Amino acid sequence: MKLNSLTRNNVILLACLLALLFLFPLFRERDSLVRDLILTAVLFSGIFSLDFSARTLKILLPLGTATAATTWINHFVENDLAYLIDFISTFLFLVAIVVLMIRHIARSRHVTPTIILSAINGYLLLGVLGGVLLGISDAVHRHLLLPESRSIIFPGESVPQFNDFIYFSFVTLSTLGYGDVTPASHLSRSIAILIAITGQLYMTILIAMLIGKFLARSEGK
């Protein structure tokens, strides 16, 4: 029952992440209701995607609730400070989920459907994390450093939207490198390098772990 429950929760998280990647771009407004609903679903489905201990849940639930609160405050209050706080809190919460997810995969003894789903969700969450981090860097650049310039140049976009940051993050994470988006500040370039390295390390290390666990189980039989 526990395995089925965890598998179901990971399927829900995967569905929420796919909705964020493929459904949200249809809604272009910065304070889109669709974006905030999907992000809230990602936050809470992430909490229940793994078999966390009671102690960990006591930390994640209040943290996830606080992060969702900042998301909805930013939705109703059009304020640059609220926007920045929302992105920072979302980034920190998703970092915690991804780290715990990777630890769970590393500690698992067998390769199960839940583990495979967790590995896929972890990769997608890394892409979302990169998008949030790029949004933070752009907000810091515009509002604290150079208001008249942008840290990331998007083609045909005067003001980039959240899905633009997500797009650039996944293009960088997967090292596709189309070249249509240009990081123009030192901070955004450093973040692009970090995203690219993280994506490659995640894929190589994770695949090695999963293959090792699968072979170990096969030899044990």
C-alpha atoms as a PDB file:
ATOM      1  CA  MET A   1       0.000   0.000   0.000  1.00  0.00           C
ATOM      2  CA  LYS A   2       2.857   2.359   0.836  1.00  0.00           C
ATOM      3  CA  LEU A   3       4.511   1.703  -2.525  1.00  0.00           C
ATOM      4  CA  ASN A   4       1.260   2.296  -4.387  1.00  0.00           C
ATOM      5  CA  SER A   5       0.673   5.505  -2.442  1.00  0.00           C
ATOM      6  CA  LEU A   6       4.172   6.822  -3.164  1.00  0.00           C
ATOM      7  CA  THR A   7       3.885   5.860  -6.819  1.00  0.00           C
ATOM      8  CA  ARG A   8       0.559   7.677  -7.070  1.00  0.00           C
ATOM      9  CA  ASN A   9       2.003  10.779  -5.399  1.00  0.00           C
ATOM     10  CA  ASN A  10       4.961  10.775  -7.789  1.00  0.00           C
ATOM     11  CA  VAL A  11       2.590  10.480 -10.747  1.00  0.00           C
ATOM     12  CA  ILE A  12       0.682  13.498  -9.412  1.00  0.00           C
ATOM     13  CA  LEU A  13       3.939  15.448  -9.035  1.00  0.00           C
ATOM     14  CA  LEU A  14       4.966  14.478 -12.568  1.00  0.00           C
ATOM     15  CA  ALA A  15       1.585  15.606 -13.916  1.00  0.00           C
ATOM     16  CA  CYS A  16       1.924  18.955 -12.125  1.00  0.00           C
ATOM     17  CA  LEU A  17       5.434  19.485 -13.487  1.00  0.00           C
ATOM     18  CA  LEU A  18       4.359  18.630 -17.033  1.00  0.00           C
ATOM     19  CA  ALA A  19       1.434  21.040 -16.681  1.00  0.00           C
ATOM     20  CA  LEU A  20       3.858  23.756 -15.592  1.00  0.00           C
ATOM     21  CA  LEU A  21       6.079  23.093 -18.591  1.00  0.00           C
ATOM     22  CA  PHE A  22       3.458  22.608 -21.301  1.00  0.00           C
ATOM     23  CA  LEU A  23       0.219  24.207 -20.092  1.00  0.00           C
ATOM     24  CA  PHE A  24       1.404  27.367 -18.353  1.00  0.00           C
ATOM     25  CA  PRO A  25       3.197  28.836 -21.437  1.00  0.00           C
ATOM     26  CA  LEU A  26      -0.266  29.270 -22.959  1.00  0.00           C
ATOM     27  CA  PHE A  27      -0.967  31.892 -20.288  1.00  0.00           C
ATOM     28  CA  ARG A  28       1.433  34.797 -20.674  1.00  0.00           C
ATOM     29  CA  GLU A  29       0.568  37.071 -17.769  1.00  0.00           C
ATOM     30  CA  ARG A  30       3.187  37.375 -15.036  1.00  0.00           C
ATOM     31  CA  ASP A  31       0.639  36.976 -12.230  1.00  0.00           C
ATOM     32  CA  SER A  32      -1.237  34.209 -14.010  1.00  0.00           C
ATOM     33  CA  LEU A  33      -3.711  32.312 -11.891  1.00  0.00           C
ATOM     34  CA  VAL A  34      -2.799  29.143 -13.753  1.00  0.00           C
ATOM     35  CA  ARG A  35       0.888  29.502 -12.873  1.00  0.00           C
ATOM     36  CA  ASP A  36       0.207  30.000  -9.183  1.00  0.00           C
ATOM     37  CA  LEU A  37      -2.250  27.107  -9.018  1.00  0.00           C
ATOM     38  CA  ILE A  38       0.219  24.751 -10.704  1.00  0.00           C
ATOM     39  CA  LEU A  39       3.133  25.941  -8.545  1.00  0.00           C
ATOM     40  CA  THR A  40       1.070  25.395  -5.402  1.00  0.00           C
ATOM     41  CA  ALA A  41       0.220  21.884  -6.596  1.00  0.00           C
ATOM     42  CA  VAL A  42       3.926  21.219  -7.273  1.00  0.00           C
ATOM     43  CA  LEU A  43       4.861  22.395  -3.776  1.00  0.00           C
ATOM     44  CA  PHE A  44       2.430  20.157  -1.917  1.00  0.00           C
ATOM     45  CA  SER A  45       2.716  17.146  -4.199  1.00  0.00           C
ATOM     46  CA  GLY A  46       6.486  17.340  -3.712  1.00  0.00           C
ATOM     47  CA  ILE A  47       6.057  17.069   0.055  1.00  0.00           C
ATOM     48  CA  PHE A  48       4.161  13.788  -0.262  1.00  0.00           C
ATOM     49  CA  SER A  49       6.193  12.331  -3.144  1.00  0.00           C
ATOM     50  CA  LEU A  50       8.584  10.515  -0.797  1.00  0.00           C
ATOM     51  CA  ASP A  51       8.342   8.480   2.379  1.00  0.00           C
ATOM     52  CA  PHE A  52       9.592  11.282   4.620  1.00  0.00           C
ATOM     53  CA  SER A  53      10.027  10.776   8.339  1.00  0.00           C
ATOM     54  CA  ALA A  54       7.595  12.462  10.720  1.00  0.00           C
ATOM     55  CA  ARG A  55      10.340  14.873  11.769  1.00  0.00           C
ATOM     56  CA  THR A  56      11.064  15.879   8.175  1.00  0.00           C
ATOM     57  CA  LEU A  57       7.365  16.358   7.437  1.00  0.00           C
ATOM     58  CA  LYS A  58       7.061  18.679  10.426  1.00  0.00           C
ATOM     59  CA  ILE A  59       9.617  20.902   8.724  1.00  0.00           C
ATOM     60  CA  LEU A  60       8.461  20.538   5.120  1.00  0.00           C
ATOM     61  CA  LEU A  61       4.757  21.155   5.717  1.00  0.00           C
ATOM     62  CA  PRO A  62       5.164  24.591   7.387  1.00  0.00           C
ATOM     63  CA  LEU A  63       7.890  25.495   4.891  1.00  0.00           C
ATOM     64  CA  GLY A  64       5.702  24.483   1.950  1.00  0.00           C
ATOM     65  CA  THR A  65       2.731  26.360   3.394  1.00  0.00           C
ATOM     66  CA  ALA A  66       4.835  29.492   3.868  1.00  0.00           C
ATOM     67  CA  THR A  67       6.169  29.192   0.307  1.00  0.00           C
ATOM     68  CA  ALA A  68       2.637  28.813  -1.080  1.00  0.00           C
ATOM     69  CA  ALA A  69       1.612  31.863   0.953  1.00  0.00           C
ATOM     70  CA  THR A  70       4.354  33.985  -0.657  1.00  0.00           C
ATOM     71  CA  THR A  71       3.191  32.754  -4.062  1.00  0.00           C
ATOM     72  CA  TRP A  72      -0.346  33.943  -3.472  1.00  0.00           C
ATOM     73  CA  ILE A  73       0.753  37.198  -1.855  1.00  0.00           C
ATOM     74  CA  ASN A  74       2.729  37.893  -5.020  1.00  0.00           C
ATOM     75  CA  HIS A  75      -0.368  36.997  -7.047  1.00  0.00           C
ATOM     76  CA  PHE A  76      -2.575  39.605  -5.365  1.00  0.00           C
ATOM     77  CA  VAL A  77       0.082  42.238  -4.590  1.00  0.00           C
ATOM     78  CA  GLU A  78       1.918  43.551  -7.654  1.00  0.00           C
ATOM     79  CA  ASN A  79       5.125  44.445  -5.914  1.00  0.00           C
ATOM     80  CA  ASP A  80       8.719  43.823  -6.955  1.00  0.00           C
ATOM     81  CA  LEU A  81       9.713  42.938  -3.402  1.00  0.00           C
ATOM     82  CA  ALA A  82       6.882  40.379  -3.135  1.00  0.00           C
ATOM     83  CA  TYR A  83       7.964  38.949  -6.497  1.00  0.00           C
ATOM     84  CA  LEU A  84      11.552  38.539  -5.285  1.00  0.00           C
ATOM     85  CA  ILE A  85      10.533  37.027  -1.932  1.00  0.00           C
ATOM     86  CA  ASP A  86       8.235  34.585  -3.714  1.00  0.00           C
ATOM     87  CA  PHE A  87      10.992  33.384  -6.053  1.00  0.00           C
ATOM     88  CA  ILE A  88      13.562  33.077  -3.264  1.00  0.00           C
ATOM     89  CA  SER A  89      11.240  31.081  -0.991  1.00  0.00           C
ATOM     90  CA  THR A  90      10.195  28.828  -3.896  1.00  0.00           C
ATOM     91  CA  PHE A  91      13.825  28.221  -4.808  1.00  0.00           C
ATOM     92  CA  LEU A  92      14.826  27.282  -1.250  1.00  0.00           C
ATOM     93  CA  PHE A  93      11.870  24.934  -0.817  1.00  0.00           C
ATOM     94  CA  LEU A  94      12.465  23.168  -4.133  1.00  0.00           C
ATOM     95  CA  VAL A  95      16.161  22.788  -3.298  1.00  0.00           C
ATOM     96  CA  ALA A  96      15.170  20.959  -0.120  1.00  0.00           C
ATOM     97  CA  ILE A  97      12.803  18.657  -2.037  1.00  0.00           C
ATOM     98  CA  VAL A  98      15.382  17.863  -4.741  1.00  0.00           C
ATOM     99  CA  VAL A  99      18.139  17.138  -2.200  1.00  0.00           C
ATOM    100  CA  LEU A 100      15.853  14.828  -0.220  1.00  0.00           C
ATOM    101  CA  MET A 101      14.703  13.151  -3.432  1.00  0.00           C
ATOM    102  CA  ILE A 102      18.262  12.481  -4.577  1.00  0.00           C
ATOM    103  CA  ARG A 103      19.149  11.133  -1.127  1.00  0.00           C
ATOM    104  CA  HIS A 104      16.126   8.841  -1.250  1.00  0.00           C
ATOM    105  CA  ILE A 105      17.174   7.486  -4.660  1.00  0.00           C
ATOM    106  CA  ALA A 106      20.758   6.971  -3.486  1.00  0.00           C
ATOM    107  CA  ARG A 107      19.668   5.074  -0.361  1.00  0.00           C
ATOM    108  CA  SER A 108      17.160   2.836  -2.137  1.00  0.00           C
ATOM    109  CA  ARG A 109      18.215  -0.790  -2.508  1.00  0.00           C
ATOM    110  CA  HIS A 110      16.169  -1.658  -5.576  1.00  0.00           C
ATOM    111  CA  VAL A 111      15.086   0.051  -8.778  1.00  0.00           C
ATOM    112  CA  THR A 112      11.297   0.308  -8.547  1.00  0.00           C
ATOM    113  CA  PRO A 113       8.706   2.294 -10.529  1.00  0.00           C
ATOM    114  CA  THR A 114       8.626   4.799  -7.658  1.00  0.00           C
ATOM    115  CA  ILE A 115      12.396   5.283  -7.861  1.00  0.00           C
ATOM    116  CA  ILE A 116      12.248   5.789 -11.626  1.00  0.00           C
ATOM    117  CA  LEU A 117       9.441   8.331 -11.242  1.00  0.00           C
ATOM    118  CA  SER A 118      11.417  10.093  -8.509  1.00  0.00           C
ATOM    119  CA  ALA A 119      14.441  10.274 -10.806  1.00  0.00           C
ATOM    120  CA  ILE A 120      12.344  11.835 -13.589  1.00  0.00           C
ATOM    121  CA  ASN A 121      10.718  14.286 -11.172  1.00  0.00           C
ATOM    122  CA  GLY A 122      14.112  15.209  -9.774  1.00  0.00           C
ATOM    123  CA  TYR A 123      15.377  16.148 -13.224  1.00  0.00           C
ATOM    124  CA  LEU A 124      12.292  18.208 -14.031  1.00  0.00           C
ATOM    125  CA  LEU A 125      12.512  19.935 -10.651  1.00  0.00           C
ATOM    126  CA  LEU A 126      16.129  20.855 -11.427  1.00  0.00           C
ATOM    127  CA  GLY A 127      14.910  22.594 -14.581  1.00  0.00           C
ATOM    128  CA  VAL A 128      12.239  24.475 -12.643  1.00  0.00           C
ATOM    129  CA  LEU A 129      14.838  25.389 -10.010  1.00  0.00           C
ATOM    130  CA  GLY A 130      17.040  26.826 -12.727  1.00  0.00           C
ATOM    131  CA  GLY A 131      14.145  28.892 -14.054  1.00  0.00           C
ATOM    132  CA  VAL A 132      13.384  30.262 -10.602  1.00  0.00           C
ATOM    133  CA  LEU A 133      17.055  31.099 -10.048  1.00  0.00           C
ATOM    134  CA  LEU A 134      17.227  32.894 -13.397  1.00  0.00           C
ATOM    135  CA  GLY A 135      14.111  34.856 -12.430  1.00  0.00           C
ATOM    136  CA  ILE A 136      15.800  35.885  -9.184  1.00  0.00           C
ATOM    137  CA  SER A 137      18.946  37.001 -10.986  1.00  0.00           C
ATOM    138  CA  ASP A 138      16.914  39.043 -13.480  1.00  0.00           C
ATOM    139  CA  ALA A 139      14.897  40.702 -10.701  1.00  0.00           C
ATOM    140  CA  VAL A 140      18.042  41.534  -8.720  1.00  0.00           C
ATOM    141  CA  HIS A 141      19.716  42.936 -11.833  1.00  0.00           C
ATOM    142  CA  ARG A 142      16.754  45.113 -12.820  1.00  0.00           C
ATOM    143  CA  HIS A 143      15.671  46.423  -9.441  1.00  0.00           C
ATOM    144  CA  LEU A 144      18.931  46.623  -7.504  1.00  0.00           C
ATOM    145  CA  LEU A 145      21.717  47.072 -10.051  1.00  0.00           C
ATOM    146  CA  LEU A 146      20.756  48.397 -13.489  1.00  0.00           C
ATOM    147  CA  PRO A 147      17.031  49.180 -13.840  1.00  0.00           C
ATOM    148  CA  GLU A 148      17.371  50.121 -17.504  1.00  0.00           C
ATOM    149  CA  SER A 149      18.974  46.848 -18.596  1.00  0.00           C
ATOM    150  CA  ARG A 150      18.309  43.121 -18.434  1.00  0.00           C
ATOM    151  CA  SER A 151      20.497  40.277 -17.232  1.00  0.00           C
ATOM    152  CA  ILE A 152      19.083  37.878 -19.846  1.00  0.00           C
ATOM    153  CA  ILE A 153      18.173  38.886 -23.394  1.00  0.00           C
ATOM    154  CA  PHE A 154      15.216  37.042 -24.946  1.00  0.00           C
ATOM    155  CA  PRO A 155      14.342  37.439 -28.648  1.00  0.00           C
ATOM    156  CA  GLY A 156      11.363  39.693 -29.229  1.00  0.00           C
ATOM    157  CA  GLU A 157      10.609  40.012 -25.516  1.00  0.00           C
ATOM    158  CA  SER A 158      10.661  43.362 -23.734  1.00  0.00           C
ATOM    159  CA  VAL A 159       9.814  41.787 -20.371  1.00  0.00           C
ATOM    160  CA  PRO A 160      10.455  38.030 -20.036  1.00  0.00           C
ATOM    161  CA  GLN A 161       7.826  35.852 -18.375  1.00  0.00           C
ATOM    162  CA  PHE A 162       8.322  32.958 -15.987  1.00  0.00           C
ATOM    163  CA  ASN A 163       7.963  30.385 -18.770  1.00  0.00           C
ATOM    164  CA  ASP A 164      10.794  32.145 -20.633  1.00  0.00           C
ATOM    165  CA  PHE A 165      13.115  31.503 -17.697  1.00  0.00           C
ATOM    166  CA  ILE A 166      11.913  27.888 -17.572  1.00  0.00           C
ATOM    167  CA  TYR A 167      12.611  27.507 -21.287  1.00  0.00           C
ATOM    168  CA  PHE A 168      16.144  28.889 -21.010  1.00  0.00           C
ATOM    169  CA  SER A 169      16.786  26.719 -17.948  1.00  0.00           C
ATOM    170  CA  PHE A 170      15.847  23.468 -19.694  1.00  0.00           C
ATOM    171  CA  VAL A 171      17.724  24.380 -22.865  1.00  0.00           C
ATOM    172  CA  THR A 172      20.801  24.968 -20.701  1.00  0.00           C
ATOM    173  CA  LEU A 173      20.181  21.962 -18.429  1.00  0.00           C
ATOM    174  CA  SER A 174      20.056  19.617 -21.399  1.00  0.00           C
ATOM    175  CA  THR A 175      22.981  21.472 -23.108  1.00  0.00           C
ATOM    176  CA  LEU A 176      20.937  22.001 -26.290  1.00  0.00           C
ATOM    177  CA  GLY A 177      22.240  25.552 -26.569  1.00  0.00           C
ATOM    178  CA  TYR A 178      20.035  26.975 -29.318  1.00  0.00           C
ATOM    179  CA  GLY A 179      21.613  30.406 -28.892  1.00  0.00           C
ATOM    180  CA  ASP A 180      18.347  32.331 -29.079  1.00  0.00           C
ATOM    181  CA  VAL A 181      18.676  33.465 -25.450  1.00  0.00           C
ATOM    182  CA  THR A 182      21.748  35.319 -24.217  1.00  0.00           C
ATOM    183  CA  PRO A 183      22.836  35.764 -20.589  1.00  0.00           C
ATOM    184  CA  ALA A 184      24.086  39.354 -20.524  1.00  0.00           C
ATOM    185  CA  SER A 185      25.329  39.772 -16.935  1.00  0.00           C
ATOM    186  CA  HIS A 186      28.059  38.047 -14.961  1.00  0.00           C
ATOM    187  CA  LEU A 187      25.492  36.650 -12.529  1.00  0.00           C
ATOM    188  CA  SER A 188      23.229  35.176 -15.223  1.00  0.00           C
ATOM    189  CA  ARG A 189      26.245  33.656 -17.002  1.00  0.00           C
ATOM    190  CA  SER A 190      27.407  32.019 -13.777  1.00  0.00           C
ATOM    191  CA  ILE A 191      23.905  30.637 -13.213  1.00  0.00           C
ATOM    192  CA  ALA A 192      23.811  29.276 -16.784  1.00  0.00           C
ATOM    193  CA  ILE A 193      27.113  27.473 -16.154  1.00  0.00           C
ATOM    194  CA  LEU A 194      25.777  26.098 -12.862  1.00  0.00           C
ATOM    195  CA  ILE A 195      22.605  24.796 -14.531  1.00  0.00           C
ATOM    196  CA  ALA A 196      24.546  23.116 -17.345  1.00  0.00           C
ATOM    197  CA  ILE A 197      26.995  21.414 -14.973  1.00  0.00           C
ATOM    198  CA  THR A 198      24.213  20.327 -12.619  1.00  0.00           C
ATOM    199  CA  GLY A 199      22.243  18.756 -15.464  1.00  0.00           C
ATOM    200  CA  GLN A 200      25.198  16.719 -16.685  1.00  0.00           C
ATOM    201  CA  LEU A 201      26.217  15.579 -13.206  1.00  0.00           C
ATOM    202  CA  TYR A 202      22.642  14.598 -12.358  1.00  0.00           C
ATOM    203  CA  MET A 203      22.239  12.472 -15.470  1.00  0.00           C
ATOM    204  CA  THR A 204      25.603  10.703 -15.266  1.00  0.00           C
ATOM    205  CA  ILE A 205      25.594  10.053 -11.518  1.00  0.00           C
ATOM    206  CA  LEU A 206      21.927   9.075 -11.383  1.00  0.00           C
ATOM    207  CA  ILE A 207      22.146   6.675 -14.321  1.00  0.00           C
ATOM    208  CA  ALA A 208      25.261   5.112 -12.789  1.00  0.00           C
ATOM    209  CA  MET A 209      23.454   4.625  -9.471  1.00  0.00           C
ATOM    210  CA  LEU A 210      20.351   3.116 -11.064  1.00  0.00           C
ATOM    211  CA  ILE A 211      22.361   0.733 -13.259  1.00  0.00           C
ATOM    212  CA  GLY A 212      24.487  -0.277 -10.264  1.00  0.00           C
ATOM    213  CA  LYS A 213      21.409  -1.044  -8.163  1.00  0.00           C
ATOM    214  CA  PHE A 214      19.821  -3.004 -11.007  1.00  0.00           C
ATOM    215  CA  LEU A 215      22.950  -5.074 -11.610  1.00  0.00           C
ATOM    216  CA  ALA A 216      23.408  -5.707  -7.898  1.00  0.00           C
ATOM    217  CA  ARG A 217      19.857  -7.025  -7.653  1.00  0.00           C
ATOM    218  CA  SER A 218      20.330  -9.213 -10.756  1.00  0.00           C
ATOM    219  CA  GLU A 219      23.547 -10.707  -9.385  1.00  0.00           C
ATOM    220  CA  GLY A 220      21.841 -11.309  -6.035  1.00  0.00           C
ATOM    221  CA  LYS A 221      19.307 -13.527  -7.748  1.00  0.00           C
END
